[in-house]
Amino acid sequence: MGQNNCGCGGNEYGYALILVLFILLVIIGTAWLV
């Protein structure tokens, strides 16, 4: 269970980081098109 708990925390952090990068990419792409 310890491994599962640690994996969950790492997964949440990685998911949040990817989500932020994706949003930044969309904003930059929109600004570039406009």
N, C-alpha and C. Protein backbone atom coordinates (compact mmCIF):
# COMPACT_ATOMS: atom_id res chain seq x y z
N MET A 1 0.84 -1.20 0.00
CA MET A 1 0.00 0.00 0.00
C MET A 1 0.88 1.26 0.00
N GLY A 2 2.05 1.17 0.63
CA GLY A 2 2.94 2.33 0.68
C GLY A 2 3.34 2.75 -0.73
N GLN A 3 3.62 1.75 -1.57
CA GLN A 3 4.03 2.06 -2.94
C GLN A 3 2.88 2.71 -3.71
N ASN A 4 1.67 2.21 -3.48
CA ASN A 4 0.50 2.75 -4.18
C ASN A 4 0.26 4.20 -3.77
N ASN A 5 0.42 4.48 -2.47
CA ASN A 5 0.21 5.84 -1.96
C ASN A 5 1.23 6.80 -2.57
N CYS A 6 2.49 6.36 -2.62
CA CYS A 6 3.55 7.20 -3.17
C CYS A 6 3.31 7.42 -4.67
N GLY A 7 2.89 6.36 -5.37
CA GLY A 7 2.63 6.47 -6.81
C GLY A 7 1.49 7.43 -7.08
N CYS A 8 0.48 7.42 -6.21
CA CYS A 8 -0.67 8.31 -6.40
C CYS A 8 -0.23 9.76 -6.28
N GLY A 9 0.59 10.05 -5.29
CA GLY A 9 1.07 11.42 -5.08
C GLY A 9 1.89 11.88 -6.28
N GLY A 10 2.80 11.01 -6.76
CA GLY A 10 3.63 11.37 -7.90
C GLY A 10 2.77 11.56 -9.14
N ASN A 11 1.74 10.73 -9.28
CA ASN A 11 0.86 10.82 -10.45
C ASN A 11 0.10 12.14 -10.44
N GLU A 12 -0.38 12.55 -9.28
CA GLU A 12 -1.12 13.81 -9.18
C GLU A 12 -0.22 14.99 -9.55
N TYR A 13 1.01 14.97 -9.05
CA TYR A 13 1.95 16.07 -9.32
C TYR A 13 2.27 16.11 -10.81
N GLY A 14 2.52 14.95 -11.40
CA GLY A 14 2.85 14.89 -12.82
C GLY A 14 1.67 15.33 -13.67
N TYR A 15 0.46 14.91 -13.28
CA TYR A 15 -0.75 15.28 -14.04
C TYR A 15 -0.97 16.79 -13.99
N ALA A 16 -0.76 17.38 -12.83
CA ALA A 16 -0.94 18.83 -12.68
C ALA A 16 0.08 19.58 -13.53
N LEU A 17 1.32 19.08 -13.55
CA LEU A 17 2.38 19.74 -14.31
C LEU A 17 2.07 19.68 -15.81
N ILE A 18 1.63 18.49 -16.28
CA ILE A 18 1.28 18.33 -17.69
C ILE A 18 0.10 19.22 -18.05
N LEU A 19 -0.87 19.33 -17.13
CA LEU A 19 -2.06 20.14 -17.38
C LEU A 19 -1.67 21.61 -17.54
N VAL A 20 -0.78 22.09 -16.67
CA VAL A 20 -0.33 23.49 -16.75
C VAL A 20 0.42 23.73 -18.06
N LEU A 21 1.29 22.81 -18.44
CA LEU A 21 2.05 22.96 -19.69
C LEU A 21 1.11 22.96 -20.88
N PHE A 22 0.07 22.12 -20.84
CA PHE A 22 -0.90 22.05 -21.93
C PHE A 22 -1.66 23.37 -22.05
N ILE A 23 -2.06 23.94 -20.92
CA ILE A 23 -2.79 25.21 -20.93
C ILE A 23 -1.90 26.31 -21.49
N LEU A 24 -0.63 26.34 -21.08
CA LEU A 24 0.31 27.34 -21.58
C LEU A 24 0.47 27.19 -23.09
N LEU A 25 0.54 25.94 -23.56
CA LEU A 25 0.69 25.69 -24.99
C LEU A 25 -0.51 26.21 -25.76
N VAL A 26 -1.71 26.00 -25.22
CA VAL A 26 -2.93 26.47 -25.87
C VAL A 26 -2.95 28.00 -25.91
N ILE A 27 -2.59 28.63 -24.81
CA ILE A 27 -2.58 30.10 -24.75
C ILE A 27 -1.58 30.67 -25.75
N ILE A 28 -0.38 30.10 -25.79
CA ILE A 28 0.65 30.57 -26.72
C ILE A 28 0.20 30.34 -28.16
N GLY A 29 -0.42 29.19 -28.42
CA GLY A 29 -0.90 28.88 -29.77
C GLY A 29 -1.98 29.87 -30.20
N THR A 30 -2.89 30.18 -29.29
CA THR A 30 -3.96 31.13 -29.61
C THR A 30 -3.39 32.52 -29.88
N ALA A 31 -2.46 32.95 -29.04
CA ALA A 31 -1.84 34.27 -29.20
C ALA A 31 -1.08 34.32 -30.53
N TRP A 32 -0.46 33.19 -30.91
CA TRP A 32 0.32 33.16 -32.16
C TRP A 32 -0.61 33.29 -33.36
N LEU A 33 -1.76 32.60 -33.29
CA LEU A 33 -2.72 32.65 -34.40
C LEU A 33 -3.34 34.03 -34.52
N VAL A 34 -3.61 34.66 -33.37
CA VAL A 34 -4.22 35.99 -33.38
C VAL A 34 -3.15 37.03 -33.64
